[in-house]
Amino acid sequence: MKYLLKKNRLIRHLPILPFIYGAIIPLVLIDIWTEVYHRISFPLYGIPYIKRRDYIKIDRQKLSYLNPLQKISCAYCGYANGLLQYIVKIVAETEHYWCGIQHKQSKNFHAPSHHKKFLNYGDEEQYMREYGRKKTKWLF
């Protein structure tokens, strides 16, 4: 809650509020889209469902020492940040299913942690041992 330490915070933060709270629209849309994808595709892929409750936690609005706007903001941030982590997990599992090969390492690239269980970039021998006999000549 570092914003509480800022002078003239109303003037500094009021113009930003529409950008922060306006993001609820695309967040809800991507939430719906991702959940539909998750529920349809994961059973087809044989991937276990990701538990939403393990990522989205909305509880800080219960704190009695917060004012109403702070409670709304904390609920919103719990939803938004949790949702994005949940989506990252779903996309990571999808990536592992469809393309479990690490990216080429480079100086400023921050590889996602889930890439640790992927095949090494450029290691054709590892690829052939793992998938060579199973690959097809065309699309899939």
C-alpha atoms as a PDB file:
ATOM      1  CA  MET A   1       0.000   0.000   0.000  1.00  0.00           C
ATOM      2  CA  LYS A   2       2.834   2.306  -0.905  1.00  0.00           C
ATOM      3  CA  TYR A   3       0.426   4.730  -2.531  1.00  0.00           C
ATOM      4  CA  LEU A   4      -0.591   5.888   0.947  1.00  0.00           C
ATOM      5  CA  LEU A   5       2.867   7.390   1.383  1.00  0.00           C
ATOM      6  CA  LYS A   6       2.589   9.638  -1.698  1.00  0.00           C
ATOM      7  CA  LYS A   7       1.761  13.329  -1.494  1.00  0.00           C
ATOM      8  CA  ASN A   8      -1.018  14.604  -3.765  1.00  0.00           C
ATOM      9  CA  ARG A   9      -2.082  11.023  -4.384  1.00  0.00           C
ATOM     10  CA  LEU A  10      -5.589  11.908  -5.540  1.00  0.00           C
ATOM     11  CA  ILE A  11      -4.239  14.120  -8.318  1.00  0.00           C
ATOM     12  CA  ARG A  12      -1.577  11.567  -9.217  1.00  0.00           C
ATOM     13  CA  HIS A  13      -3.798   8.501  -9.193  1.00  0.00           C
ATOM     14  CA  LEU A  14      -7.260   9.602 -10.288  1.00  0.00           C
ATOM     15  CA  PRO A  15      -6.345   9.784 -14.012  1.00  0.00           C
ATOM     16  CA  ILE A  16      -4.984   6.237 -13.860  1.00  0.00           C
ATOM     17  CA  LEU A  17      -8.049   4.598 -12.303  1.00  0.00           C
ATOM     18  CA  PRO A  18      -9.936   4.115 -15.600  1.00  0.00           C
ATOM     19  CA  PHE A  19      -6.953   2.193 -16.979  1.00  0.00           C
ATOM     20  CA  ILE A  20      -6.671   0.003 -13.902  1.00  0.00           C
ATOM     21  CA  TYR A  21     -10.359  -0.742 -13.419  1.00  0.00           C
ATOM     22  CA  GLY A  22     -11.162  -0.692 -17.140  1.00  0.00           C
ATOM     23  CA  ALA A  23      -8.982  -3.777 -17.495  1.00  0.00           C
ATOM     24  CA  ILE A  24     -11.737  -5.801 -15.828  1.00  0.00           C
ATOM     25  CA  ILE A  25     -13.491  -6.117 -19.204  1.00  0.00           C
ATOM     26  CA  PRO A  26     -10.639  -7.832 -21.077  1.00  0.00           C
ATOM     27  CA  LEU A  27      -9.782  -9.833 -17.944  1.00  0.00           C
ATOM     28  CA  VAL A  28     -13.290 -11.283 -17.711  1.00  0.00           C
ATOM     29  CA  LEU A  29     -13.346 -11.998 -21.448  1.00  0.00           C
ATOM     30  CA  ILE A  30     -10.005 -13.828 -21.373  1.00  0.00           C
ATOM     31  CA  ASP A  31     -11.147 -15.615 -18.222  1.00  0.00           C
ATOM     32  CA  ILE A  32     -14.240 -16.963 -19.993  1.00  0.00           C
ATOM     33  CA  TRP A  33     -12.306 -17.839 -23.159  1.00  0.00           C
ATOM     34  CA  THR A  34      -9.531 -19.612 -21.244  1.00  0.00           C
ATOM     35  CA  GLU A  35     -11.948 -21.540 -19.059  1.00  0.00           C
ATOM     36  CA  VAL A  36     -13.920 -22.796 -22.059  1.00  0.00           C
ATOM     37  CA  TYR A  37     -10.652 -23.825 -23.753  1.00  0.00           C
ATOM     38  CA  HIS A  38      -9.411 -25.467 -20.545  1.00  0.00           C
ATOM     39  CA  ARG A  39     -12.591 -27.479 -19.952  1.00  0.00           C
ATOM     40  CA  ILE A  40     -12.867 -28.683 -23.553  1.00  0.00           C
ATOM     41  CA  SER A  41      -9.253 -29.313 -24.539  1.00  0.00           C
ATOM     42  CA  PHE A  42      -7.580 -30.709 -21.420  1.00  0.00           C
ATOM     43  CA  PRO A  43      -9.732 -33.870 -21.315  1.00  0.00           C
ATOM     44  CA  LEU A  44      -9.022 -34.385 -25.021  1.00  0.00           C
ATOM     45  CA  TYR A  45      -5.273 -33.986 -24.392  1.00  0.00           C
ATOM     46  CA  GLY A  46      -5.363 -36.184 -21.304  1.00  0.00           C
ATOM     47  CA  ILE A  47      -4.049 -33.332 -19.149  1.00  0.00           C
ATOM     48  CA  PRO A  48      -5.495 -32.999 -15.630  1.00  0.00           C
ATOM     49  CA  TYR A  49      -7.531 -29.879 -14.961  1.00  0.00           C
ATOM     50  CA  ILE A  50      -5.762 -26.986 -13.288  1.00  0.00           C
ATOM     51  CA  LYS A  51      -7.479 -26.059 -10.029  1.00  0.00           C
ATOM     52  CA  ARG A  52      -8.623 -22.458 -10.270  1.00  0.00           C
ATOM     53  CA  ARG A  53      -8.807 -22.070  -6.500  1.00  0.00           C
ATOM     54  CA  ASP A  54      -5.074 -22.766  -6.273  1.00  0.00           C
ATOM     55  CA  TYR A  55      -4.403 -19.535  -8.190  1.00  0.00           C
ATOM     56  CA  ILE A  56      -7.226 -17.075  -7.548  1.00  0.00           C
ATOM     57  CA  LYS A  57      -7.649 -15.992  -3.958  1.00  0.00           C
ATOM     58  CA  ILE A  58      -9.935 -13.150  -2.964  1.00  0.00           C
ATOM     59  CA  ASP A  59      -9.850 -12.633   0.773  1.00  0.00           C
ATOM     60  CA  ARG A  60      -8.308  -9.273   1.703  1.00  0.00           C
ATOM     61  CA  GLN A  61     -11.668  -7.499   1.483  1.00  0.00           C
ATOM     62  CA  LYS A  62     -12.461  -9.194   4.803  1.00  0.00           C
ATOM     63  CA  LEU A  63      -9.854  -7.121   6.630  1.00  0.00           C
ATOM     64  CA  SER A  64     -11.721  -4.706   8.899  1.00  0.00           C
ATOM     65  CA  TYR A  65      -8.970  -2.071   8.873  1.00  0.00           C
ATOM     66  CA  LEU A  66      -9.313  -1.404   5.130  1.00  0.00           C
ATOM     67  CA  ASN A  67     -11.712   1.231   3.811  1.00  0.00           C
ATOM     68  CA  PRO A  68     -14.336   0.245   1.184  1.00  0.00           C
ATOM     69  CA  LEU A  69     -12.258   1.392  -1.817  1.00  0.00           C
ATOM     70  CA  GLN A  70      -9.218  -0.499  -0.526  1.00  0.00           C
ATOM     71  CA  LYS A  71     -11.343  -3.622  -0.107  1.00  0.00           C
ATOM     72  CA  ILE A  72     -12.600  -3.358  -3.691  1.00  0.00           C
ATOM     73  CA  SER A  73      -9.065  -2.761  -4.950  1.00  0.00           C
ATOM     74  CA  CYS A  74      -7.702  -5.731  -3.020  1.00  0.00           C
ATOM     75  CA  ALA A  75     -10.455  -8.002  -4.330  1.00  0.00           C
ATOM     76  CA  TYR A  76      -9.775  -6.793  -7.867  1.00  0.00           C
ATOM     77  CA  CYS A  77      -6.021  -7.358  -7.559  1.00  0.00           C
ATOM     78  CA  GLY A  78      -6.555 -10.809  -6.057  1.00  0.00           C
ATOM     79  CA  TYR A  79      -8.737 -11.716  -9.021  1.00  0.00           C
ATOM     80  CA  ALA A  80      -6.550 -10.093 -11.706  1.00  0.00           C
ATOM     81  CA  ASN A  81      -3.191 -11.416 -10.500  1.00  0.00           C
ATOM     82  CA  GLY A  82      -4.574 -14.838  -9.634  1.00  0.00           C
ATOM     83  CA  LEU A  83      -6.322 -15.091 -12.986  1.00  0.00           C
ATOM     84  CA  LEU A  84      -3.156 -14.261 -14.881  1.00  0.00           C
ATOM     85  CA  GLN A  85      -1.180 -16.883 -12.944  1.00  0.00           C
ATOM     86  CA  TYR A  86      -3.946 -19.402 -13.616  1.00  0.00           C
ATOM     87  CA  ILE A  87      -3.865 -18.606 -17.332  1.00  0.00           C
ATOM     88  CA  VAL A  88      -0.068 -18.887 -17.381  1.00  0.00           C
ATOM     89  CA  LYS A  89      -0.363 -22.380 -15.883  1.00  0.00           C
ATOM     90  CA  ILE A  90      -2.961 -23.440 -18.468  1.00  0.00           C
ATOM     91  CA  VAL A  91      -0.871 -22.061 -21.323  1.00  0.00           C
ATOM     92  CA  ALA A  92       2.271 -23.670 -19.884  1.00  0.00           C
ATOM     93  CA  GLU A  93       0.599 -27.086 -19.803  1.00  0.00           C
ATOM     94  CA  THR A  94      -0.620 -26.524 -23.356  1.00  0.00           C
ATOM     95  CA  GLU A  95       2.887 -25.562 -24.465  1.00  0.00           C
ATOM     96  CA  HIS A  96       4.339 -28.655 -22.817  1.00  0.00           C
ATOM     97  CA  TYR A  97       1.800 -30.814 -24.629  1.00  0.00           C
ATOM     98  CA  TRP A  98       2.283 -29.258 -28.084  1.00  0.00           C
ATOM     99  CA  CYS A  99       5.886 -28.043 -28.115  1.00  0.00           C
ATOM    100  CA  GLY A 100       7.978 -29.172 -25.178  1.00  0.00           C
ATOM    101  CA  ILE A 101      11.239 -27.741 -26.518  1.00  0.00           C
ATOM    102  CA  GLN A 102      13.105 -24.973 -24.727  1.00  0.00           C
ATOM    103  CA  HIS A 103      13.862 -21.708 -26.517  1.00  0.00           C
ATOM    104  CA  LYS A 104      17.400 -20.918 -27.561  1.00  0.00           C
ATOM    105  CA  GLN A 105      19.170 -19.310 -24.637  1.00  0.00           C
ATOM    106  CA  SER A 106      20.042 -15.657 -24.963  1.00  0.00           C
ATOM    107  CA  LYS A 107      21.359 -12.999 -22.632  1.00  0.00           C
ATOM    108  CA  ASN A 108      18.161 -11.110 -21.818  1.00  0.00           C
ATOM    109  CA  PHE A 109      15.548 -13.824 -22.265  1.00  0.00           C
ATOM    110  CA  HIS A 110      13.885 -14.979 -19.051  1.00  0.00           C
ATOM    111  CA  ALA A 111      12.847 -18.549 -19.714  1.00  0.00           C
ATOM    112  CA  PRO A 112       9.661 -19.620 -17.943  1.00  0.00           C
ATOM    113  CA  SER A 113      10.255 -22.010 -15.070  1.00  0.00           C
ATOM    114  CA  HIS A 114       8.114 -24.705 -16.704  1.00  0.00           C
ATOM    115  CA  HIS A 115      10.650 -24.933 -19.553  1.00  0.00           C
ATOM    116  CA  LYS A 116      13.003 -26.852 -17.225  1.00  0.00           C
ATOM    117  CA  LYS A 117      11.129 -30.059 -18.051  1.00  0.00           C
ATOM    118  CA  PHE A 118      11.272 -29.398 -21.811  1.00  0.00           C
ATOM    119  CA  LEU A 119      13.732 -30.872 -24.290  1.00  0.00           C
ATOM    120  CA  ASN A 120      16.894 -28.866 -24.883  1.00  0.00           C
ATOM    121  CA  TYR A 121      16.887 -26.455 -27.816  1.00  0.00           C
ATOM    122  CA  GLY A 122      18.703 -27.886 -30.833  1.00  0.00           C
ATOM    123  CA  ASP A 123      19.199 -31.351 -29.330  1.00  0.00           C
ATOM    124  CA  GLU A 124      18.005 -33.487 -32.212  1.00  0.00           C
ATOM    125  CA  GLU A 125      19.221 -36.707 -30.605  1.00  0.00           C
ATOM    126  CA  GLN A 126      17.131 -36.058 -27.497  1.00  0.00           C
ATOM    127  CA  TYR A 127      14.144 -35.217 -29.693  1.00  0.00           C
ATOM    128  CA  MET A 128      14.547 -38.390 -31.754  1.00  0.00           C
ATOM    129  CA  ARG A 129      14.885 -40.550 -28.618  1.00  0.00           C
ATOM    130  CA  GLU A 130      11.750 -39.021 -27.120  1.00  0.00           C
ATOM    131  CA  TYR A 131       9.510 -38.511 -30.158  1.00  0.00           C
ATOM    132  CA  GLY A 132      11.269 -39.666 -33.337  1.00  0.00           C
ATOM    133  CA  ARG A 133       9.316 -42.871 -33.870  1.00  0.00           C
ATOM    134  CA  LYS A 134       6.030 -41.138 -33.109  1.00  0.00           C
ATOM    135  CA  LYS A 135       6.281 -38.153 -35.398  1.00  0.00           C
ATOM    136  CA  THR A 136       4.351 -37.987 -38.643  1.00  0.00           C
ATOM    137  CA  LYS A 137       5.417 -36.524 -41.943  1.00  0.00           C
ATOM    138  CA  TRP A 138       2.709 -33.949 -42.240  1.00  0.00           C
ATOM    139  CA  LEU A 139       0.538 -31.859 -39.931  1.00  0.00           C
ATOM    140  CA  PHE A 140       0.356 -33.768 -36.629  1.00  0.00           C
END
